[in-house]
PDB file of N, CA and C in Angstrom:
ATOM      1  N   MET A   1       0.836  -1.181  -0.006  1.00  0.00           N
ATOM      2  CA  MET A   1       0.001   0.000  -0.001  1.00  0.00           C
ATOM      3  C   MET A   1       0.877   1.248  -0.004  1.00  0.00           C
ATOM      4  N   SER A   2       0.420   2.242  -0.680  1.00  0.00           N
ATOM      5  CA  SER A   2       1.176   3.479  -0.844  1.00  0.00           C
ATOM      6  C   SER A   2       0.943   4.440   0.320  1.00  0.00           C
ATOM      7  N   ASP A   3       1.929   5.287   0.584  1.00  0.00           N
ATOM      8  CA  ASP A   3       1.779   6.325   1.596  1.00  0.00           C
ATOM      9  C   ASP A   3       1.187   7.605   0.989  1.00  0.00           C
ATOM     10  N   LEU A   4       0.941   7.576  -0.314  1.00  0.00           N
ATOM     11  CA  LEU A   4       0.363   8.726  -0.995  1.00  0.00           C
ATOM     12  C   LEU A   4      -1.099   8.892  -0.591  1.00  0.00           C
ATOM     13  N   PRO A   5      -1.609  10.127  -0.554  1.00  0.00           N
ATOM     14  CA  PRO A   5      -3.028  10.311  -0.231  1.00  0.00           C
ATOM     15  C   PRO A   5      -3.907   9.718  -1.328  1.00  0.00           C
ATOM     16  N   VAL A   6      -5.061   9.203  -0.933  1.00  0.00           N
ATOM     17  CA  VAL A   6      -6.005   8.657  -1.895  1.00  0.00           C
ATOM     18  C   VAL A   6      -6.819   9.801  -2.462  1.00  0.00           C
ATOM     19  N   GLU A   7      -6.834   9.931  -3.785  1.00  0.00           N
ATOM     20  CA  GLU A   7      -7.601  10.978  -4.436  1.00  0.00           C
ATOM     21  C   GLU A   7      -8.996  10.474  -4.766  1.00  0.00           C
ATOM     22  N   ILE A   8      -9.967  11.376  -4.760  1.00  0.00           N
ATOM     23  CA  ILE A   8     -11.348  11.036  -5.129  1.00  0.00           C
ATOM     24  C   ILE A   8     -11.650  11.719  -6.460  1.00  0.00           C
ATOM     25  N   TYR A   9     -12.163  10.928  -7.408  1.00  0.00           N
ATOM     26  CA  TYR A   9     -12.485  11.431  -8.734  1.00  0.00           C
ATOM     27  C   TYR A   9     -13.984  11.245  -8.952  1.00  0.00           C
ATOM     28  N   ASP A  10     -14.733  12.323  -8.978  1.00  0.00           N
ATOM     29  CA  ASP A  10     -16.195  12.299  -9.104  1.00  0.00           C
ATOM     30  C   ASP A  10     -16.564  12.325 -10.590  1.00  0.00           C
ATOM     31  N   LEU A  11     -17.000  11.182 -11.094  1.00  0.00           N
ATOM     32  CA  LEU A  11     -17.425  11.078 -12.489  1.00  0.00           C
ATOM     33  C   LEU A  11     -18.916  10.800 -12.591  1.00  0.00           C
ATOM     34  N   ARG A  12     -19.634  11.125 -11.528  1.00  0.00           N
ATOM     35  CA  ARG A  12     -21.085  10.928 -11.533  1.00  0.00           C
ATOM     36  C   ARG A  12     -21.724  11.828 -12.576  1.00  0.00           C
ATOM     37  N   GLY A  13     -22.699  11.293 -13.277  1.00  0.00           N
ATOM     38  CA  GLY A  13     -23.396  12.051 -14.314  1.00  0.00           C
ATOM     39  C   GLY A  13     -22.827  11.846 -15.700  1.00  0.00           C
ATOM     40  N   LEU A  14     -21.657  11.223 -15.802  1.00  0.00           N
ATOM     41  CA  LEU A  14     -21.055  10.965 -17.108  1.00  0.00           C
ATOM     42  C   LEU A  14     -21.420   9.558 -17.585  1.00  0.00           C
ATOM     43  N   ASN A  15     -21.640   9.425 -18.886  1.00  0.00           N
ATOM     44  CA  ASN A  15     -21.992   8.129 -19.455  1.00  0.00           C
ATOM     45  C   ASN A  15     -20.845   7.568 -20.276  1.00  0.00           C
ATOM     46  N   CYS A  16     -20.927   6.258 -20.527  1.00  0.00           N
ATOM     47  CA  CYS A  16     -19.940   5.520 -21.304  1.00  0.00           C
ATOM     48  C   CYS A  16     -19.675   6.231 -22.630  1.00  0.00           C
ATOM     49  N   PRO A  17     -18.439   6.386 -23.023  1.00  0.00           N
ATOM     50  CA  PRO A  17     -17.200   5.844 -22.465  1.00  0.00           C
ATOM     51  C   PRO A  17     -16.439   6.813 -21.569  1.00  0.00           C
ATOM     52  N   LEU A  18     -17.050   7.945 -21.215  1.00  0.00           N
ATOM     53  CA  LEU A  18     -16.319   8.985 -20.496  1.00  0.00           C
ATOM     54  C   LEU A  18     -15.717   8.552 -19.150  1.00  0.00           C
ATOM     55  N   PRO A  19     -16.405   7.768 -18.322  1.00  0.00           N
ATOM     56  CA  PRO A  19     -15.768   7.373 -17.048  1.00  0.00           C
ATOM     57  C   PRO A  19     -14.431   6.635 -17.253  1.00  0.00           C
ATOM     58  N   VAL A  20     -14.378   5.722 -18.201  1.00  0.00           N
ATOM     59  CA  VAL A  20     -13.130   4.982 -18.451  1.00  0.00           C
ATOM     60  C   VAL A  20     -12.082   5.905 -19.059  1.00  0.00           C
ATOM     61  N   LEU A  21     -12.468   6.721 -20.010  1.00  0.00           N
ATOM     62  CA  LEU A  21     -11.490   7.612 -20.662  1.00  0.00           C
ATOM     63  C   LEU A  21     -10.891   8.597 -19.665  1.00  0.00           C
ATOM     64  N   ARG A  22     -11.718   9.171 -18.810  1.00  0.00           N
ATOM     65  CA  ARG A  22     -11.206  10.130 -17.826  1.00  0.00           C
ATOM     66  C   ARG A  22     -10.394   9.448 -16.723  1.00  0.00           C
ATOM     67  N   THR A  23     -10.796   8.237 -16.353  1.00  0.00           N
ATOM     68  CA  THR A  23     -10.029   7.480 -15.363  1.00  0.00           C
ATOM     69  C   THR A  23      -8.659   7.152 -15.916  1.00  0.00           C
ATOM     70  N   ARG A  24      -8.597   6.718 -17.173  1.00  0.00           N
ATOM     71  CA  ARG A  24      -7.315   6.408 -17.818  1.00  0.00           C
ATOM     72  C   ARG A  24      -6.381   7.629 -17.790  1.00  0.00           C
ATOM     73  N   LYS A  25      -6.920   8.781 -18.156  1.00  0.00           N
ATOM     74  CA  LYS A  25      -6.118   9.999 -18.192  1.00  0.00           C
ATOM     75  C   LYS A  25      -5.649  10.401 -16.786  1.00  0.00           C
ATOM     76  N   ARG A  26      -6.523  10.291 -15.811  1.00  0.00           N
ATOM     77  CA  ARG A  26      -6.181  10.677 -14.436  1.00  0.00           C
ATOM     78  C   ARG A  26      -5.086   9.751 -13.872  1.00  0.00           C
ATOM     79  N   LEU A  27      -5.239   8.433 -14.079  1.00  0.00           N
ATOM     80  CA  LEU A  27      -4.237   7.488 -13.588  1.00  0.00           C
ATOM     81  C   LEU A  27      -2.887   7.699 -14.285  1.00  0.00           C
ATOM     82  N   ALA A  28      -2.901   8.072 -15.545  1.00  0.00           N
ATOM     83  CA  ALA A  28      -1.658   8.292 -16.286  1.00  0.00           C
ATOM     84  C   ALA A  28      -0.806   9.397 -15.653  1.00  0.00           C
ATOM     85  N   GLY A  29      -1.458  10.343 -15.000  1.00  0.00           N
ATOM     86  CA  GLY A  29      -0.747  11.451 -14.361  1.00  0.00           C
ATOM     87  C   GLY A  29      -0.362  11.184 -12.920  1.00  0.00           C
ATOM     88  N   MET A  30      -0.614   9.977 -12.453  1.00  0.00           N
ATOM     89  CA  MET A  30      -0.313   9.619 -11.058  1.00  0.00           C
ATOM     90  C   MET A  30       0.880   8.681 -11.003  1.00  0.00           C
ATOM     91  N   PRO A  31       1.618   8.677  -9.886  1.00  0.00           N
ATOM     92  CA  PRO A  31       2.765   7.774  -9.777  1.00  0.00           C
ATOM     93  C   PRO A  31       2.301   6.327  -9.532  1.00  0.00           C
ATOM     94  N   PRO A  32       3.102   5.350  -9.945  1.00  0.00           N
ATOM     95  CA  PRO A  32       2.759   3.951  -9.673  1.00  0.00           C
ATOM     96  C   PRO A  32       2.518   3.727  -8.176  1.00  0.00           C
ATOM     97  N   GLY A  33       1.479   2.960  -7.873  1.00  0.00           N
ATOM     98  CA  GLY A  33       1.128   2.678  -6.486  1.00  0.00           C
ATOM     99  C   GLY A  33       0.128   3.652  -5.901  1.00  0.00           C
ATOM    100  N   ALA A  34      -0.089   4.785  -6.574  1.00  0.00           N
ATOM    101  CA  ALA A  34      -1.065   5.765  -6.075  1.00  0.00           C
ATOM    102  C   ALA A  34      -2.472   5.180  -6.195  1.00  0.00           C
ATOM    103  N   GLN A  35      -3.331   5.576  -5.271  1.00  0.00           N
ATOM    104  CA  GLN A  35      -4.694   5.077  -5.282  1.00  0.00           C
ATOM    105  C   GLN A  35      -5.685   6.186  -5.628  1.00  0.00           C
ATOM    106  N   LEU A  36      -6.750   5.768  -6.304  1.00  0.00           N
ATOM    107  CA  LEU A  36      -7.767   6.696  -6.775  1.00  0.00           C
ATOM    108  C   LEU A  36      -9.151   6.098  -6.520  1.00  0.00           C
ATOM    109  N   ILE A  37     -10.016   6.861  -5.874  1.00  0.00           N
ATOM    110  CA  ILE A  37     -11.413   6.471  -5.711  1.00  0.00           C
ATOM    111  C   ILE A  37     -12.181   7.102  -6.867  1.00  0.00           C
ATOM    112  N   VAL A  38     -12.904   6.274  -7.603  1.00  0.00           N
ATOM    113  CA  VAL A  38     -13.687   6.731  -8.750  1.00  0.00           C
ATOM    114  C   VAL A  38     -15.156   6.512  -8.411  1.00  0.00           C
ATOM    115  N   GLU A  39     -15.940   7.579  -8.496  1.00  0.00           N
ATOM    116  CA  GLU A  39     -17.381   7.508  -8.245  1.00  0.00           C
ATOM    117  C   GLU A  39     -18.118   7.702  -9.559  1.00  0.00           C
ATOM    118  N   THR A  40     -19.048   6.778  -9.883  1.00  0.00           N
ATOM    119  CA  THR A  40     -19.773   6.838 -11.152  1.00  0.00           C
ATOM    120  C   THR A  40     -21.262   6.611 -10.929  1.00  0.00           C
ATOM    121  N   THR A  41     -22.050   7.036 -11.915  1.00  0.00           N
ATOM    122  CA  THR A  41     -23.482   6.719 -11.943  1.00  0.00           C
ATOM    123  C   THR A  41     -23.831   5.917 -13.175  1.00  0.00           C
ATOM    124  N   ASP A  42     -22.918   5.786 -14.120  1.00  0.00           N
ATOM    125  CA  ASP A  42     -23.144   5.030 -15.340  1.00  0.00           C
ATOM    126  C   ASP A  42     -23.199   3.530 -15.013  1.00  0.00           C
ATOM    127  N   PRO A  43     -24.328   2.847 -15.282  1.00  0.00           N
ATOM    128  CA  PRO A  43     -24.425   1.427 -14.971  1.00  0.00           C
ATOM    129  C   PRO A  43     -23.348   0.576 -15.653  1.00  0.00           C
ATOM    130  N   LEU A  44     -22.903   0.982 -16.830  1.00  0.00           N
ATOM    131  CA  LEU A  44     -21.881   0.215 -17.551  1.00  0.00           C
ATOM    132  C   LEU A  44     -20.511   0.301 -16.898  1.00  0.00           C
ATOM    133  N   ALA A  45     -20.297   1.276 -16.047  1.00  0.00           N
ATOM    134  CA  ALA A  45     -19.011   1.417 -15.377  1.00  0.00           C
ATOM    135  C   ALA A  45     -18.697   0.204 -14.494  1.00  0.00           C
ATOM    136  N   ALA A  46     -19.722  -0.467 -14.000  1.00  0.00           N
ATOM    137  CA  ALA A  46     -19.519  -1.656 -13.157  1.00  0.00           C
ATOM    138  C   ALA A  46     -18.824  -2.761 -13.916  1.00  0.00           C
ATOM    139  N   VAL A  47     -18.939  -2.747 -15.236  1.00  0.00           N
ATOM    140  CA  VAL A  47     -18.237  -3.713 -16.092  1.00  0.00           C
ATOM    141  C   VAL A  47     -16.991  -3.076 -16.702  1.00  0.00           C
ATOM    142  N   ASP A  48     -17.122  -1.835 -17.155  1.00  0.00           N
ATOM    143  CA  ASP A  48     -16.047  -1.172 -17.899  1.00  0.00           C
ATOM    144  C   ASP A  48     -14.816  -0.858 -17.051  1.00  0.00           C
ATOM    145  N   ILE A  49     -14.994  -0.368 -15.832  1.00  0.00           N
ATOM    146  CA  ILE A  49     -13.836   0.003 -14.995  1.00  0.00           C
ATOM    147  C   ILE A  49     -13.011  -1.234 -14.626  1.00  0.00           C
ATOM    148  N   PRO A  50     -13.617  -2.337 -14.155  1.00  0.00           N
ATOM    149  CA  PRO A  50     -12.796  -3.529 -13.882  1.00  0.00           C
ATOM    150  C   PRO A  50     -12.087  -4.062 -15.130  1.00  0.00           C
ATOM    151  N   ALA A  51     -12.759  -4.038 -16.282  1.00  0.00           N
ATOM    152  CA  ALA A  51     -12.140  -4.499 -17.528  1.00  0.00           C
ATOM    153  C   ALA A  51     -10.969  -3.596 -17.900  1.00  0.00           C
ATOM    154  N   PHE A  52     -11.145  -2.288 -17.751  1.00  0.00           N
ATOM    155  CA  PHE A  52     -10.061  -1.347 -18.028  1.00  0.00           C
ATOM    156  C   PHE A  52      -8.845  -1.641 -17.144  1.00  0.00           C
ATOM    157  N   CYS A  53      -9.081  -1.876 -15.865  1.00  0.00           N
ATOM    158  CA  CYS A  53      -7.980  -2.162 -14.932  1.00  0.00           C
ATOM    159  C   CYS A  53      -7.219  -3.413 -15.357  1.00  0.00           C
ATOM    160  N   LYS A  54      -7.946  -4.451 -15.697  1.00  0.00           N
ATOM    161  CA  LYS A  54      -7.330  -5.707 -16.090  1.00  0.00           C
ATOM    162  C   LYS A  54      -6.487  -5.539 -17.352  1.00  0.00           C
ATOM    163  N   GLU A  55      -7.015  -4.814 -18.325  1.00  0.00           N
ATOM    164  CA  GLU A  55      -6.310  -4.598 -19.601  1.00  0.00           C
ATOM    165  C   GLU A  55      -5.122  -3.658 -19.447  1.00  0.00           C
ATOM    166  N   SER A  56      -5.197  -2.731 -18.509  1.00  0.00           N
ATOM    167  CA  SER A  56      -4.170  -1.676 -18.397  1.00  0.00           C
ATOM    168  C   SER A  56      -3.122  -1.938 -17.327  1.00  0.00           C
ATOM    169  N   GLY A  57      -3.287  -3.007 -16.550  1.00  0.00           N
ATOM    170  CA  GLY A  57      -2.295  -3.320 -15.518  1.00  0.00           C
ATOM    171  C   GLY A  57      -2.489  -2.568 -14.224  1.00  0.00           C
ATOM    172  N   HIS A  58      -3.658  -1.973 -14.039  1.00  0.00           N
ATOM    173  CA  HIS A  58      -3.975  -1.318 -12.777  1.00  0.00           C
ATOM    174  C   HIS A  58      -4.716  -2.316 -11.884  1.00  0.00           C
ATOM    175  N   ARG A  59      -4.707  -2.071 -10.579  1.00  0.00           N
ATOM    176  CA  ARG A  59      -5.346  -3.011  -9.658  1.00  0.00           C
ATOM    177  C   ARG A  59      -6.669  -2.446  -9.173  1.00  0.00           C
ATOM    178  N   LEU A  60      -7.712  -3.250  -9.313  1.00  0.00           N
ATOM    179  CA  LEU A  60      -9.008  -2.914  -8.746  1.00  0.00           C
ATOM    180  C   LEU A  60      -9.002  -3.401  -7.312  1.00  0.00           C
ATOM    181  N   VAL A  61      -8.828  -2.485  -6.364  1.00  0.00           N
ATOM    182  CA  VAL A  61      -8.729  -2.828  -4.951  1.00  0.00           C
ATOM    183  C   VAL A  61     -10.111  -3.182  -4.398  1.00  0.00           C
ATOM    184  N   SER A  62     -11.115  -2.386  -4.751  1.00  0.00           N
ATOM    185  CA  SER A  62     -12.477  -2.676  -4.316  1.00  0.00           C
ATOM    186  C   SER A  62     -13.479  -2.041  -5.252  1.00  0.00           C
ATOM    187  N   SER A  63     -14.676  -2.602  -5.231  1.00  0.00           N
ATOM    188  CA  SER A  63     -15.796  -2.121  -6.041  1.00  0.00           C
ATOM    189  C   SER A  63     -17.059  -2.305  -5.217  1.00  0.00           C
ATOM    190  N   GLU A  64     -17.829  -1.236  -5.069  1.00  0.00           N
ATOM    191  CA  GLU A  64     -19.054  -1.369  -4.287  1.00  0.00           C
ATOM    192  C   GLU A  64     -20.166  -0.510  -4.867  1.00  0.00           C
ATOM    193  N   PRO A  65     -21.386  -1.021  -4.855  1.00  0.00           N
ATOM    194  CA  PRO A  65     -22.514  -0.220  -5.312  1.00  0.00           C
ATOM    195  C   PRO A  65     -22.801   0.906  -4.317  1.00  0.00           C
ATOM    196  N   THR A  66     -23.307   2.007  -4.842  1.00  0.00           N
ATOM    197  CA  THR A  66     -23.735   3.123  -4.000  1.00  0.00           C
ATOM    198  C   THR A  66     -25.206   3.377  -4.297  1.00  0.00           C
ATOM    199  N   ALA A  67     -25.793   4.329  -3.615  1.00  0.00           N
ATOM    200  CA  ALA A  67     -27.217   4.629  -3.794  1.00  0.00           C
ATOM    201  C   ALA A  67     -27.543   5.010  -5.235  1.00  0.00           C
ATOM    202  N   ASP A  68     -26.606   5.681  -5.904  1.00  0.00           N
ATOM    203  CA  ASP A  68     -26.878   6.136  -7.273  1.00  0.00           C
ATOM    204  C   ASP A  68     -25.884   5.632  -8.308  1.00  0.00           C
ATOM    205  N   GLY A  69     -25.057   4.667  -7.962  1.00  0.00           N
ATOM    206  CA  GLY A  69     -24.090   4.176  -8.940  1.00  0.00           C
ATOM    207  C   GLY A  69     -23.089   3.193  -8.367  1.00  0.00           C
ATOM    208  N   HIS A  70     -21.811   3.524  -8.534  1.00  0.00           N
ATOM    209  CA  HIS A  70     -20.737   2.625  -8.117  1.00  0.00           C
ATOM    210  C   HIS A  70     -19.547   3.435  -7.614  1.00  0.00           C
ATOM    211  N   LYS A  71     -18.787   2.821  -6.734  1.00  0.00           N
ATOM    212  CA  LYS A  71     -17.566   3.432  -6.205  1.00  0.00           C
ATOM    213  C   LYS A  71     -16.453   2.388  -6.312  1.00  0.00           C
ATOM    214  N   PHE A  72     -15.342   2.801  -6.919  1.00  0.00           N
ATOM    215  CA  PHE A  72     -14.205   1.921  -7.151  1.00  0.00           C
ATOM    216  C   PHE A  72     -12.964   2.474  -6.467  1.00  0.00           C
ATOM    217  N   LEU A  73     -12.155   1.614  -5.900  1.00  0.00           N
ATOM    218  CA  LEU A  73     -10.847   2.003  -5.406  1.00  0.00           C
ATOM    219  C   LEU A  73      -9.837   1.332  -6.312  1.00  0.00           C
ATOM    220  N   LEU A  74      -9.055   2.159  -7.016  1.00  0.00           N
ATOM    221  CA  LEU A  74      -8.066   1.674  -7.983  1.00  0.00           C
ATOM    222  C   LEU A  74      -6.672   2.002  -7.503  1.00  0.00           C
ATOM    223  N   GLU A  75      -5.726   1.166  -7.901  1.00  0.00           N
ATOM    224  CA  GLU A  75      -4.316   1.433  -7.614  1.00  0.00           C
ATOM    225  C   GLU A  75      -3.567   1.436  -8.938  1.00  0.00           C
ATOM    226  N   ARG A  76      -2.837   2.508  -9.199  1.00  0.00           N
ATOM    227  CA  ARG A  76      -2.131   2.631 -10.453  1.00  0.00           C
ATOM    228  C   ARG A  76      -1.035   1.569 -10.538  1.00  0.00           C
ATOM    229  N   GLY A  77      -0.974   0.919 -11.668  1.00  0.00           N
ATOM    230  CA  GLY A  77       0.050  -0.092 -11.909  1.00  0.00           C
ATOM    231  C   GLY A  77       1.392   0.555 -12.254  1.00  0.00           C
ATOM    232  N   ALA A  78       2.385  -0.295 -12.506  1.00  0.00           N
ATOM    233  CA  ALA A  78       3.716   0.182 -12.878  1.00  0.00           C
ATOM    234  C   ALA A  78       3.637   0.931 -14.206  1.00  0.00           C
ATOM    235  N   ALA A  79       4.535   1.865 -14.361  1.00  0.00           N
ATOM    236  CA  ALA A  79       4.564   2.683 -15.583  1.00  0.00           C
ATOM    237  C   ALA A  79       4.956   1.868 -16.793  1.00  0.00           C
TER     238      ALA A  79
END
């Protein structure tokens, strides 16, 4: 686990493919091991974000439904 602060990225209200595209860009600007909480309301994000992590080498630490969408804890993979 990283000693870096966990950032929160509010992507609620955005629809596919924007949550994945913006998450990709945000993680690219973070150091390896940094963690990011992503909040979404797009139902497809529950499938798209985990698939993106698997394909991109990032770690999906946790995924949980919220009242209006989903919340993911991601860890940036190696550069």
